[in-house]
């Protein structure tokens, strides 16, 4: 009986795995690759103009934002290009919590941008729902400052889909956080990989 139970459990888990992988593959296959190219181009322009790239997200998307900030700052740095000036807006716990405590959580990103954002900079927001009030406020402030905005969104796109200058939309069922957040990690890695490959190497002598 115990062996049969283990077999049933294994079959059940394999069904969950197959369903997840199948759903993920369908989401990724539907991604607008031209939108990804446009995102890379916006980030390239900001880097070459020595403008700052700000990145923000909540929860799991905050982790993705930190990961992207790290990869742009370090992995995409090479001698033939200017380095990225990049800031993860979820990474300063003291400032983040001070803003949340004193001004409200919806102000935790906009409050930081007020100190730094200038025309030509880029704000990247990452949100499965596309409706996080603090990200919406950050984008509104950014647009008022002449900052370009990029959104990685999911579900039906939410408010951010129409608010940002460029969106990469992982269109999904509402509530599919795991699939969308995992897709966003993949998409951010693709963007970084494109920027790592964007070298201005000297011509070969051969």
N, C-alpha and C. Protein backbone atom coordinates (compact mmCIF):
# COMPACT_ATOMS: atom_id res chain seq x y z
N UNK A 1 0.83 -1.21 0.00
CA UNK A 1 0.00 0.00 0.00
C UNK A 1 0.86 1.26 0.00
N UNK A 2 1.97 1.20 0.80
CA UNK A 2 2.84 2.36 0.86
C UNK A 2 3.48 2.64 -0.50
N UNK A 3 3.87 1.55 -1.19
CA UNK A 3 4.47 1.73 -2.50
C UNK A 3 3.49 2.33 -3.49
N UNK A 4 2.22 1.88 -3.47
CA UNK A 4 1.22 2.43 -4.37
C UNK A 4 0.99 3.91 -4.09
N UNK A 5 1.02 4.28 -2.78
CA UNK A 5 0.85 5.69 -2.43
C UNK A 5 1.97 6.54 -2.98
N UNK A 6 3.19 6.01 -2.91
CA UNK A 6 4.33 6.75 -3.45
C UNK A 6 4.22 6.93 -4.96
N UNK A 7 3.73 5.88 -5.64
CA UNK A 7 3.55 5.96 -7.08
C UNK A 7 2.51 7.00 -7.45
N UNK A 8 1.41 7.03 -6.67
CA UNK A 8 0.36 8.01 -6.93
C UNK A 8 0.87 9.42 -6.70
N UNK A 9 1.67 9.60 -5.63
CA UNK A 9 2.22 10.91 -5.34
C UNK A 9 3.16 11.36 -6.45
N UNK A 10 4.01 10.44 -6.93
CA UNK A 10 4.94 10.76 -8.00
C UNK A 10 4.20 11.14 -9.27
N UNK A 11 3.13 10.40 -9.58
CA UNK A 11 2.34 10.71 -10.77
C UNK A 11 1.68 12.08 -10.65
N UNK A 12 1.20 12.40 -9.45
CA UNK A 12 0.56 13.69 -9.21
C UNK A 12 1.56 14.83 -9.38
N UNK A 13 2.76 14.66 -8.81
CA UNK A 13 3.77 15.70 -8.93
C UNK A 13 4.24 15.86 -10.38
N UNK A 14 4.36 14.76 -11.09
CA UNK A 14 4.74 14.84 -12.50
C UNK A 14 3.68 15.58 -13.32
N UNK A 15 2.43 15.42 -12.95
CA UNK A 15 1.36 16.14 -13.64
C UNK A 15 1.46 17.64 -13.38
N UNK A 16 1.78 18.00 -12.12
CA UNK A 16 1.95 19.42 -11.79
C UNK A 16 3.13 20.00 -12.57
N UNK A 17 4.23 19.25 -12.61
CA UNK A 17 5.43 19.71 -13.33
C UNK A 17 5.13 19.90 -14.81
N UNK A 18 4.48 18.93 -15.41
CA UNK A 18 4.16 19.01 -16.83
C UNK A 18 3.24 20.19 -17.13
N UNK A 19 2.26 20.40 -16.24
CA UNK A 19 1.33 21.52 -16.43
C UNK A 19 2.06 22.85 -16.33
N UNK A 20 2.95 22.97 -15.34
CA UNK A 20 3.71 24.22 -15.16
C UNK A 20 4.60 24.49 -16.36
N UNK A 21 5.38 23.49 -16.75
CA UNK A 21 6.31 23.69 -17.86
C UNK A 21 5.58 24.00 -19.16
N UNK A 22 4.44 23.32 -19.36
CA UNK A 22 3.66 23.59 -20.57
C UNK A 22 3.10 25.00 -20.57
N UNK A 23 2.58 25.43 -19.42
CA UNK A 23 2.06 26.79 -19.31
C UNK A 23 3.14 27.83 -19.49
N UNK A 24 4.31 27.57 -18.91
CA UNK A 24 5.42 28.51 -19.04
C UNK A 24 5.88 28.63 -20.48
N UNK A 25 5.97 27.51 -21.16
CA UNK A 25 6.40 27.53 -22.56
C UNK A 25 5.43 28.34 -23.42
N UNK A 26 4.14 28.20 -23.16
CA UNK A 26 3.14 28.96 -23.93
C UNK A 26 3.28 30.46 -23.68
N UNK A 27 3.51 30.85 -22.43
CA UNK A 27 3.68 32.28 -22.12
C UNK A 27 4.92 32.84 -22.82
N UNK A 28 6.02 32.11 -22.73
CA UNK A 28 7.27 32.60 -23.30
C UNK A 28 7.18 32.67 -24.82
N UNK A 29 6.54 31.69 -25.44
CA UNK A 29 6.41 31.69 -26.90
C UNK A 29 5.63 32.90 -27.41
N UNK A 30 4.75 33.44 -26.56
CA UNK A 30 3.90 34.56 -26.98
C UNK A 30 4.54 35.93 -26.74
N UNK A 31 5.74 35.97 -26.17
CA UNK A 31 6.39 37.24 -25.87
C UNK A 31 6.69 38.01 -27.16
N UNK A 32 6.46 39.31 -27.12
CA UNK A 32 6.78 40.19 -28.24
C UNK A 32 8.29 40.44 -28.25
N UNK A 33 8.99 39.76 -29.13
CA UNK A 33 10.46 39.87 -29.16
C UNK A 33 10.90 41.25 -29.63
N UNK A 34 10.11 41.88 -30.47
CA UNK A 34 10.45 43.24 -30.90
C UNK A 34 10.41 44.21 -29.73
N UNK A 35 9.48 43.98 -28.79
CA UNK A 35 9.43 44.82 -27.59
C UNK A 35 10.71 44.66 -26.77
N UNK A 36 11.21 43.43 -26.68
CA UNK A 36 12.47 43.20 -25.97
C UNK A 36 13.63 43.95 -26.63
N UNK A 37 13.66 43.93 -27.95
CA UNK A 37 14.71 44.65 -28.67
C UNK A 37 14.61 46.14 -28.38
N UNK A 38 13.40 46.68 -28.35
CA UNK A 38 13.23 48.10 -28.06
C UNK A 38 13.68 48.44 -26.64
N UNK A 39 13.44 47.54 -25.70
CA UNK A 39 13.90 47.75 -24.33
C UNK A 39 15.43 47.81 -24.29
N UNK A 40 16.06 46.87 -24.97
CA UNK A 40 17.53 46.88 -25.03
C UNK A 40 18.03 48.19 -25.61
N UNK A 41 17.38 48.67 -26.67
CA UNK A 41 17.81 49.91 -27.31
C UNK A 41 17.67 51.10 -26.36
N UNK A 42 16.59 51.16 -25.60
CA UNK A 42 16.40 52.26 -24.64
C UNK A 42 17.49 52.22 -23.57
N UNK A 43 17.81 51.03 -23.09
CA UNK A 43 18.84 50.91 -22.07
C UNK A 43 20.22 51.24 -22.64
N UNK A 44 20.47 50.86 -23.87
CA UNK A 44 21.75 51.22 -24.52
C UNK A 44 21.91 52.73 -24.60
N UNK A 45 20.84 53.41 -25.00
CA UNK A 45 20.92 54.87 -25.12
C UNK A 45 21.19 55.52 -23.77
N UNK A 46 20.53 55.01 -22.74
CA UNK A 46 20.76 55.56 -21.39
C UNK A 46 22.20 55.33 -20.96
N UNK A 47 22.71 54.14 -21.19
CA UNK A 47 24.11 53.84 -20.83
C UNK A 47 25.07 54.75 -21.56
N UNK A 48 24.89 54.89 -22.87
CA UNK A 48 25.84 55.66 -23.68
C UNK A 48 25.77 57.16 -23.38
N UNK A 49 24.61 57.62 -22.87
CA UNK A 49 24.47 59.02 -22.47
C UNK A 49 24.85 59.23 -21.01
N UNK A 50 25.27 58.17 -20.34
CA UNK A 50 25.64 58.20 -18.93
C UNK A 50 24.48 58.66 -18.05
N UNK A 51 23.29 58.26 -18.45
CA UNK A 51 22.09 58.51 -17.64
C UNK A 51 21.92 57.36 -16.64
N UNK A 52 21.02 57.54 -15.70
CA UNK A 52 20.81 56.53 -14.65
C UNK A 52 19.61 55.68 -14.98
N UNK A 53 19.74 54.38 -14.71
CA UNK A 53 18.64 53.44 -14.83
C UNK A 53 18.17 53.08 -13.42
N UNK A 54 16.91 53.37 -13.12
CA UNK A 54 16.29 53.01 -11.85
C UNK A 54 15.41 51.79 -12.07
N UNK A 55 15.41 50.86 -11.10
CA UNK A 55 14.64 49.63 -11.24
C UNK A 55 13.85 49.39 -9.96
N UNK A 56 12.55 49.06 -10.11
CA UNK A 56 11.70 48.89 -8.93
C UNK A 56 10.71 47.75 -9.12
N UNK A 57 10.39 47.11 -7.99
CA UNK A 57 9.37 46.06 -7.96
C UNK A 57 9.04 45.73 -6.52
N UNK A 58 7.98 44.99 -6.31
CA UNK A 58 7.54 44.58 -4.98
C UNK A 58 7.61 43.05 -4.84
N UNK A 59 7.89 42.58 -3.63
CA UNK A 59 7.86 41.14 -3.38
C UNK A 59 8.85 40.40 -4.25
N UNK A 60 8.38 39.35 -4.93
CA UNK A 60 9.24 38.60 -5.83
C UNK A 60 9.82 39.47 -6.92
N UNK A 61 9.04 40.46 -7.36
CA UNK A 61 9.52 41.37 -8.39
C UNK A 61 10.61 42.30 -7.87
N UNK A 62 10.64 42.55 -6.55
CA UNK A 62 11.75 43.31 -5.96
C UNK A 62 13.05 42.52 -6.09
N UNK A 63 12.96 41.21 -5.90
CA UNK A 63 14.15 40.36 -6.07
C UNK A 63 14.61 40.38 -7.52
N UNK A 64 13.68 40.35 -8.45
CA UNK A 64 14.04 40.43 -9.87
C UNK A 64 14.68 41.77 -10.19
N UNK A 65 14.13 42.85 -9.59
CA UNK A 65 14.70 44.19 -9.80
C UNK A 65 16.13 44.26 -9.29
N UNK A 66 16.39 43.69 -8.12
CA UNK A 66 17.74 43.67 -7.58
C UNK A 66 18.68 42.87 -8.47
N UNK A 67 18.19 41.75 -8.96
CA UNK A 67 18.99 40.90 -9.84
C UNK A 67 19.35 41.65 -11.11
N UNK A 68 18.38 42.34 -11.70
CA UNK A 68 18.65 43.09 -12.93
C UNK A 68 19.63 44.22 -12.67
N UNK A 69 19.48 44.93 -11.55
CA UNK A 69 20.40 46.01 -11.22
C UNK A 69 21.83 45.48 -11.09
N UNK A 70 21.97 44.33 -10.44
CA UNK A 70 23.29 43.70 -10.30
C UNK A 70 23.88 43.36 -11.66
N UNK A 71 23.06 42.74 -12.51
CA UNK A 71 23.57 42.29 -13.79
C UNK A 71 23.92 43.45 -14.72
N UNK A 72 23.13 44.52 -14.70
CA UNK A 72 23.47 45.68 -15.52
C UNK A 72 24.75 46.34 -15.01
N UNK A 73 24.86 46.43 -13.68
CA UNK A 73 26.01 47.10 -13.11
C UNK A 73 27.30 46.33 -13.25
N UNK A 74 27.23 45.00 -13.11
CA UNK A 74 28.46 44.20 -13.13
C UNK A 74 28.62 43.37 -14.39
N UNK A 75 27.63 42.52 -14.68
CA UNK A 75 27.80 41.59 -15.80
C UNK A 75 27.88 42.30 -17.14
N UNK A 76 27.16 43.43 -17.29
CA UNK A 76 27.15 44.14 -18.57
C UNK A 76 28.27 45.17 -18.67
N UNK A 77 29.16 45.20 -17.70
CA UNK A 77 30.26 46.17 -17.70
C UNK A 77 31.45 45.61 -18.46
N UNK A 78 31.94 46.35 -19.45
CA UNK A 78 33.18 45.96 -20.11
C UNK A 78 33.87 47.20 -20.63
N UNK A 79 35.14 47.06 -20.89
CA UNK A 79 36.01 48.21 -21.12
C UNK A 79 35.63 49.00 -22.37
N UNK A 80 34.97 48.37 -23.33
CA UNK A 80 34.70 49.06 -24.59
C UNK A 80 33.46 49.95 -24.52
N UNK A 81 32.74 49.94 -23.39
CA UNK A 81 31.54 50.75 -23.25
C UNK A 81 31.56 51.48 -21.91
N UNK A 82 30.79 52.57 -21.82
CA UNK A 82 30.57 53.18 -20.52
C UNK A 82 29.85 52.19 -19.61
N UNK A 83 30.10 52.21 -18.31
CA UNK A 83 29.34 51.34 -17.40
C UNK A 83 27.93 51.89 -17.19
N UNK A 84 27.04 51.01 -16.82
CA UNK A 84 25.69 51.43 -16.46
C UNK A 84 25.70 52.15 -15.11
N UNK A 85 25.01 53.27 -15.04
CA UNK A 85 24.68 53.90 -13.77
C UNK A 85 23.31 53.35 -13.40
N UNK A 86 23.25 52.50 -12.39
CA UNK A 86 22.00 51.78 -12.11
C UNK A 86 21.73 51.77 -10.62
N UNK A 87 20.44 51.89 -10.25
CA UNK A 87 20.04 51.91 -8.85
C UNK A 87 18.78 51.06 -8.68
N UNK A 88 18.84 50.11 -7.75
CA UNK A 88 17.67 49.32 -7.38
C UNK A 88 16.90 50.03 -6.28
N UNK A 89 15.70 50.47 -6.56
CA UNK A 89 14.95 51.29 -5.61
C UNK A 89 14.38 50.50 -4.44
N UNK A 90 14.44 49.18 -4.49
CA UNK A 90 13.98 48.36 -3.36
C UNK A 90 15.14 47.92 -2.47
N UNK A 91 16.36 48.39 -2.75
CA UNK A 91 17.55 47.84 -2.09
C UNK A 91 18.01 48.59 -0.85
N UNK A 92 17.53 49.83 -0.64
CA UNK A 92 17.92 50.59 0.53
C UNK A 92 16.83 50.46 1.58
N UNK A 93 16.98 49.47 2.47
CA UNK A 93 15.91 49.14 3.43
C UNK A 93 15.58 50.31 4.35
N UNK A 94 16.59 51.04 4.79
CA UNK A 94 16.36 52.15 5.72
C UNK A 94 15.51 53.23 5.06
N UNK A 95 15.88 53.62 3.86
CA UNK A 95 15.14 54.67 3.16
C UNK A 95 13.75 54.19 2.77
N UNK A 96 13.69 52.96 2.27
CA UNK A 96 12.41 52.39 1.84
C UNK A 96 11.41 52.36 3.01
N UNK A 97 11.85 51.88 4.15
CA UNK A 97 10.94 51.77 5.29
C UNK A 97 10.64 53.12 5.91
N UNK A 98 11.58 54.06 5.84
CA UNK A 98 11.30 55.40 6.34
C UNK A 98 10.21 56.06 5.50
N UNK A 99 10.31 55.94 4.19
CA UNK A 99 9.28 56.50 3.32
C UNK A 99 7.94 55.81 3.56
N UNK A 100 7.97 54.48 3.68
CA UNK A 100 6.74 53.75 3.91
C UNK A 100 6.09 54.14 5.23
N UNK A 101 6.88 54.29 6.25
CA UNK A 101 6.36 54.62 7.58
C UNK A 101 5.84 56.06 7.66
N UNK A 102 6.58 56.98 7.04
CA UNK A 102 6.26 58.40 7.20
C UNK A 102 5.31 58.95 6.13
N UNK A 103 5.39 58.39 4.92
CA UNK A 103 4.63 58.97 3.81
C UNK A 103 3.65 57.99 3.17
N UNK A 104 3.73 56.72 3.54
CA UNK A 104 2.86 55.71 2.94
C UNK A 104 3.60 54.85 1.94
N UNK A 105 3.23 53.57 1.89
CA UNK A 105 3.96 52.64 1.04
C UNK A 105 3.87 53.01 -0.44
N UNK A 106 2.81 53.68 -0.82
CA UNK A 106 2.70 54.06 -2.23
C UNK A 106 3.75 55.09 -2.64
N UNK A 107 4.48 55.64 -1.67
CA UNK A 107 5.50 56.67 -1.94
C UNK A 107 6.93 56.14 -1.90
N UNK A 108 7.12 54.84 -1.67
CA UNK A 108 8.48 54.36 -1.39
C UNK A 108 9.42 54.47 -2.58
N UNK A 109 8.90 54.45 -3.80
CA UNK A 109 9.76 54.59 -4.97
C UNK A 109 9.76 56.03 -5.50
N UNK A 110 8.60 56.65 -5.57
CA UNK A 110 8.53 58.03 -6.05
C UNK A 110 9.34 58.95 -5.14
N UNK A 111 9.32 58.68 -3.83
CA UNK A 111 10.07 59.52 -2.90
C UNK A 111 11.56 59.48 -3.15
N UNK A 112 12.07 58.35 -3.58
CA UNK A 112 13.49 58.26 -3.93
C UNK A 112 13.78 58.94 -5.27
N UNK A 113 12.89 58.72 -6.22
CA UNK A 113 13.09 59.31 -7.54
C UNK A 113 13.12 60.83 -7.48
N UNK A 114 12.37 61.41 -6.56
CA UNK A 114 12.36 62.87 -6.42
C UNK A 114 13.76 63.42 -6.19
N UNK A 115 14.62 62.65 -5.55
CA UNK A 115 15.98 63.10 -5.25
C UNK A 115 16.93 62.99 -6.43
N UNK A 116 16.64 62.09 -7.37
CA UNK A 116 17.63 61.74 -8.37
C UNK A 116 17.18 61.90 -9.83
N UNK A 117 15.93 61.62 -10.13
CA UNK A 117 15.50 61.46 -11.52
C UNK A 117 15.62 62.75 -12.31
N UNK A 118 16.26 62.66 -13.48
CA UNK A 118 16.39 63.79 -14.39
C UNK A 118 16.09 63.33 -15.81
N UNK A 119 15.84 64.30 -16.67
CA UNK A 119 15.49 63.98 -18.05
C UNK A 119 16.56 63.11 -18.70
N UNK A 120 16.12 62.10 -19.40
CA UNK A 120 17.03 61.18 -20.07
C UNK A 120 17.28 59.90 -19.30
N UNK A 121 17.00 59.90 -18.00
CA UNK A 121 17.12 58.67 -17.21
C UNK A 121 16.05 57.67 -17.64
N UNK A 122 16.16 56.45 -17.13
CA UNK A 122 15.19 55.39 -17.44
C UNK A 122 14.72 54.75 -16.14
N UNK A 123 13.43 54.55 -16.03
CA UNK A 123 12.84 53.79 -14.91
C UNK A 123 12.28 52.49 -15.43
N UNK A 124 12.73 51.38 -14.84
CA UNK A 124 12.20 50.05 -15.16
C UNK A 124 11.34 49.59 -13.99
N UNK A 125 10.08 49.26 -14.25
CA UNK A 125 9.20 48.74 -13.21
C UNK A 125 8.81 47.31 -13.57
N UNK A 126 8.76 46.46 -12.55
CA UNK A 126 8.46 45.04 -12.74
C UNK A 126 7.27 44.69 -11.87
N UNK A 127 6.18 44.21 -12.49
CA UNK A 127 4.95 43.94 -11.74
C UNK A 127 4.12 42.90 -12.45
N UNK A 128 3.75 41.85 -11.74
CA UNK A 128 2.89 40.83 -12.35
C UNK A 128 1.52 41.40 -12.68
N UNK A 129 0.93 42.15 -11.75
CA UNK A 129 -0.42 42.68 -11.95
C UNK A 129 -0.44 43.94 -12.80
N UNK A 130 0.63 44.72 -12.74
CA UNK A 130 0.66 46.01 -13.42
C UNK A 130 -0.12 47.09 -12.72
N UNK A 131 -0.55 46.82 -11.49
CA UNK A 131 -1.42 47.77 -10.79
C UNK A 131 -0.86 48.25 -9.45
N UNK A 132 0.36 47.94 -9.10
CA UNK A 132 0.91 48.33 -7.80
C UNK A 132 0.92 49.86 -7.69
N UNK A 133 0.24 50.42 -6.68
CA UNK A 133 0.15 51.88 -6.58
C UNK A 133 1.50 52.57 -6.48
N UNK A 134 2.47 51.94 -5.80
CA UNK A 134 3.77 52.62 -5.68
C UNK A 134 4.52 52.65 -7.01
N UNK A 135 4.30 51.66 -7.85
CA UNK A 135 4.93 51.67 -9.17
C UNK A 135 4.21 52.64 -10.10
N UNK A 136 2.91 52.71 -10.00
CA UNK A 136 2.15 53.67 -10.80
C UNK A 136 2.59 55.09 -10.45
N UNK A 137 2.72 55.40 -9.15
CA UNK A 137 3.16 56.73 -8.75
C UNK A 137 4.58 57.02 -9.23
N UNK A 138 5.43 56.01 -9.17
CA UNK A 138 6.81 56.20 -9.63
C UNK A 138 6.84 56.52 -11.12
N UNK A 139 6.04 55.81 -11.91
CA UNK A 139 6.01 56.06 -13.35
C UNK A 139 5.45 57.45 -13.64
N UNK A 140 4.41 57.84 -12.93
CA UNK A 140 3.83 59.18 -13.13
C UNK A 140 4.85 60.27 -12.83
N UNK A 141 5.60 60.12 -11.74
CA UNK A 141 6.63 61.10 -11.41
C UNK A 141 7.73 61.09 -12.47
N UNK A 142 8.12 59.89 -12.90
CA UNK A 142 9.18 59.77 -13.89
C UNK A 142 8.78 60.48 -15.19
N UNK A 143 7.58 60.26 -15.64
CA UNK A 143 7.13 60.88 -16.89
C UNK A 143 7.12 62.41 -16.76
N UNK A 144 6.75 62.91 -15.59
CA UNK A 144 6.75 64.36 -15.36
C UNK A 144 8.16 64.93 -15.39
N UNK A 145 9.15 64.11 -15.09
CA UNK A 145 10.55 64.54 -15.08
C UNK A 145 11.26 64.30 -16.43
N UNK A 146 10.57 63.76 -17.41
CA UNK A 146 11.21 63.45 -18.68
C UNK A 146 12.03 62.18 -18.65
N UNK A 147 11.70 61.29 -17.72
CA UNK A 147 12.37 60.00 -17.59
C UNK A 147 11.63 58.97 -18.44
N UNK A 148 12.35 58.20 -19.25
CA UNK A 148 11.74 57.14 -20.03
C UNK A 148 11.34 55.99 -19.10
N UNK A 149 10.25 55.32 -19.43
CA UNK A 149 9.74 54.26 -18.55
C UNK A 149 9.57 52.95 -19.31
N UNK A 150 9.97 51.87 -18.64
CA UNK A 150 9.86 50.51 -19.18
C UNK A 150 9.13 49.67 -18.16
N UNK A 151 8.19 48.85 -18.60
CA UNK A 151 7.48 47.98 -17.69
C UNK A 151 7.55 46.52 -18.12
N UNK A 152 7.84 45.65 -17.17
CA UNK A 152 7.67 44.21 -17.35
C UNK A 152 6.40 43.85 -16.58
N UNK A 153 5.34 43.48 -17.28
CA UNK A 153 4.05 43.26 -16.65
C UNK A 153 3.50 41.89 -17.03
N UNK A 154 2.44 41.48 -16.31
CA UNK A 154 1.78 40.22 -16.59
C UNK A 154 0.27 40.38 -16.56
N UNK A 155 -0.45 39.24 -16.37
CA UNK A 155 -1.91 39.23 -16.28
C UNK A 155 -2.52 39.98 -17.48
N UNK A 156 -3.37 41.00 -17.20
CA UNK A 156 -3.94 41.79 -18.29
C UNK A 156 -3.15 43.06 -18.55
N UNK A 157 -2.00 43.19 -17.94
CA UNK A 157 -1.15 44.36 -18.13
C UNK A 157 -1.37 45.45 -17.11
N UNK A 158 -2.60 45.54 -16.57
CA UNK A 158 -2.90 46.54 -15.56
C UNK A 158 -2.71 47.96 -16.04
N UNK A 159 -2.64 48.89 -15.10
CA UNK A 159 -2.48 50.31 -15.43
C UNK A 159 -1.13 50.60 -16.08
N UNK A 160 -0.11 49.85 -15.67
CA UNK A 160 1.23 50.13 -16.18
C UNK A 160 1.38 49.86 -17.67
N UNK A 161 0.59 48.93 -18.20
CA UNK A 161 0.71 48.58 -19.61
C UNK A 161 0.52 49.80 -20.51
N UNK A 162 -0.44 50.64 -20.15
CA UNK A 162 -0.72 51.83 -20.96
C UNK A 162 0.08 53.04 -20.49
N UNK A 163 0.63 52.98 -19.29
CA UNK A 163 1.29 54.15 -18.71
C UNK A 163 2.76 54.26 -19.11
N UNK A 164 3.44 53.12 -19.27
CA UNK A 164 4.87 53.15 -19.56
C UNK A 164 5.12 53.42 -21.05
N UNK A 165 6.35 53.87 -21.34
CA UNK A 165 6.72 54.13 -22.73
C UNK A 165 6.92 52.84 -23.52
N UNK A 166 7.43 51.82 -22.84
CA UNK A 166 7.66 50.53 -23.50
C UNK A 166 7.32 49.41 -22.53
N UNK A 167 6.54 48.44 -22.96
CA UNK A 167 6.14 47.33 -22.09
C UNK A 167 6.52 45.99 -22.71
N UNK A 168 6.99 45.10 -21.85
CA UNK A 168 7.13 43.68 -22.21
C UNK A 168 6.07 42.96 -21.40
N UNK A 169 5.07 42.45 -22.08
CA UNK A 169 3.85 41.93 -21.45
C UNK A 169 3.84 40.41 -21.51
N UNK A 170 3.85 39.79 -20.34
CA UNK A 170 3.65 38.34 -20.25
C UNK A 170 2.16 38.14 -20.00
N UNK A 171 1.41 38.03 -21.06
CA UNK A 171 -0.06 37.95 -20.95
C UNK A 171 -0.45 36.60 -20.35
N UNK A 172 -1.22 36.64 -19.26
CA UNK A 172 -1.52 35.40 -18.54
C UNK A 172 -2.87 35.51 -17.85
N UNK A 173 -3.28 34.40 -17.27
CA UNK A 173 -4.46 34.41 -16.41
C UNK A 173 -4.18 35.26 -15.17
N UNK A 174 -5.18 35.98 -14.66
CA UNK A 174 -4.98 36.72 -13.41
C UNK A 174 -4.55 35.78 -12.28
N UNK A 175 -3.58 36.21 -11.49
CA UNK A 175 -3.14 35.41 -10.36
C UNK A 175 -2.03 34.43 -10.65
N UNK A 176 -1.56 34.37 -11.89
CA UNK A 176 -0.49 33.42 -12.24
C UNK A 176 0.87 34.01 -11.88
N UNK A 177 1.05 34.31 -10.60
CA UNK A 177 2.26 35.00 -10.15
C UNK A 177 3.52 34.21 -10.44
N UNK A 178 3.49 32.91 -10.12
CA UNK A 178 4.70 32.11 -10.30
C UNK A 178 5.17 32.10 -11.74
N UNK A 179 4.26 31.86 -12.67
CA UNK A 179 4.63 31.82 -14.08
C UNK A 179 5.13 33.17 -14.57
N UNK A 180 4.41 34.23 -14.21
CA UNK A 180 4.78 35.57 -14.69
C UNK A 180 6.11 36.02 -14.09
N UNK A 181 6.29 35.84 -12.78
CA UNK A 181 7.53 36.29 -12.15
C UNK A 181 8.72 35.51 -12.67
N UNK A 182 8.53 34.21 -12.92
CA UNK A 182 9.62 33.41 -13.49
C UNK A 182 9.94 33.88 -14.90
N UNK A 183 8.90 34.21 -15.68
CA UNK A 183 9.12 34.72 -17.03
C UNK A 183 9.86 36.05 -16.99
N UNK A 184 9.53 36.90 -16.03
CA UNK A 184 10.21 38.19 -15.93
C UNK A 184 11.70 38.02 -15.64
N UNK A 185 12.04 37.06 -14.79
CA UNK A 185 13.46 36.78 -14.54
C UNK A 185 14.16 36.39 -15.84
N UNK A 186 13.53 35.51 -16.60
CA UNK A 186 14.10 35.07 -17.87
C UNK A 186 14.27 36.25 -18.83
N UNK A 187 13.25 37.08 -18.94
CA UNK A 187 13.30 38.20 -19.87
C UNK A 187 14.36 39.22 -19.48
N UNK A 188 14.50 39.48 -18.19
CA UNK A 188 15.55 40.39 -17.73
C UNK A 188 16.93 39.82 -18.04
N UNK A 189 17.08 38.51 -17.93
CA UNK A 189 18.36 37.89 -18.25
C UNK A 189 18.66 37.99 -19.74
N UNK A 190 17.61 37.86 -20.57
CA UNK A 190 17.80 38.02 -22.01
C UNK A 190 18.26 39.44 -22.33
N UNK A 191 17.63 40.43 -21.71
CA UNK A 191 18.02 41.82 -21.92
C UNK A 191 19.49 42.02 -21.53
N UNK A 192 19.86 41.50 -20.36
CA UNK A 192 21.26 41.63 -19.91
C UNK A 192 22.20 40.94 -20.88
N UNK A 193 21.84 39.77 -21.36
CA UNK A 193 22.69 39.02 -22.29
C UNK A 193 22.91 39.81 -23.57
N UNK A 194 21.86 40.47 -24.06
CA UNK A 194 22.00 41.32 -25.25
C UNK A 194 22.98 42.46 -24.99
N UNK A 195 22.91 43.05 -23.80
CA UNK A 195 23.78 44.18 -23.47
C UNK A 195 25.22 43.73 -23.21
N UNK A 196 25.38 42.53 -22.69
CA UNK A 196 26.73 41.96 -22.54
C UNK A 196 27.36 41.77 -23.91
N UNK A 197 26.56 41.35 -24.88
CA UNK A 197 27.07 41.10 -26.23
C UNK A 197 27.29 42.39 -27.01
N UNK A 198 26.82 43.50 -26.50
CA UNK A 198 26.91 44.78 -27.21
C UNK A 198 28.27 45.42 -26.95
N UNK A 199 29.26 44.91 -27.62
CA UNK A 199 30.63 45.39 -27.46
C UNK A 199 31.04 46.24 -28.66
N UNK A 200 32.00 47.08 -28.42
CA UNK A 200 32.57 47.91 -29.50
C UNK A 200 34.04 47.54 -29.62
N UNK A 201 34.27 46.30 -30.01
CA UNK A 201 35.63 45.78 -30.05
C UNK A 201 36.42 46.38 -31.21
N UNK A 202 37.73 46.54 -31.06
CA UNK A 202 38.54 47.04 -32.17
C UNK A 202 38.57 46.04 -33.31
N UNK A 203 38.73 46.53 -34.56
CA UNK A 203 38.75 45.60 -35.69
C UNK A 203 39.93 44.64 -35.62
N UNK A 204 39.73 43.47 -36.15
CA UNK A 204 40.79 42.46 -36.15
C UNK A 204 41.89 42.85 -37.14
N UNK A 205 43.11 42.44 -36.82
CA UNK A 205 44.23 42.69 -37.73
C UNK A 205 44.34 41.61 -38.81
N UNK A 206 43.49 40.61 -38.69
CA UNK A 206 43.60 39.49 -39.60
C UNK A 206 43.06 39.78 -40.99
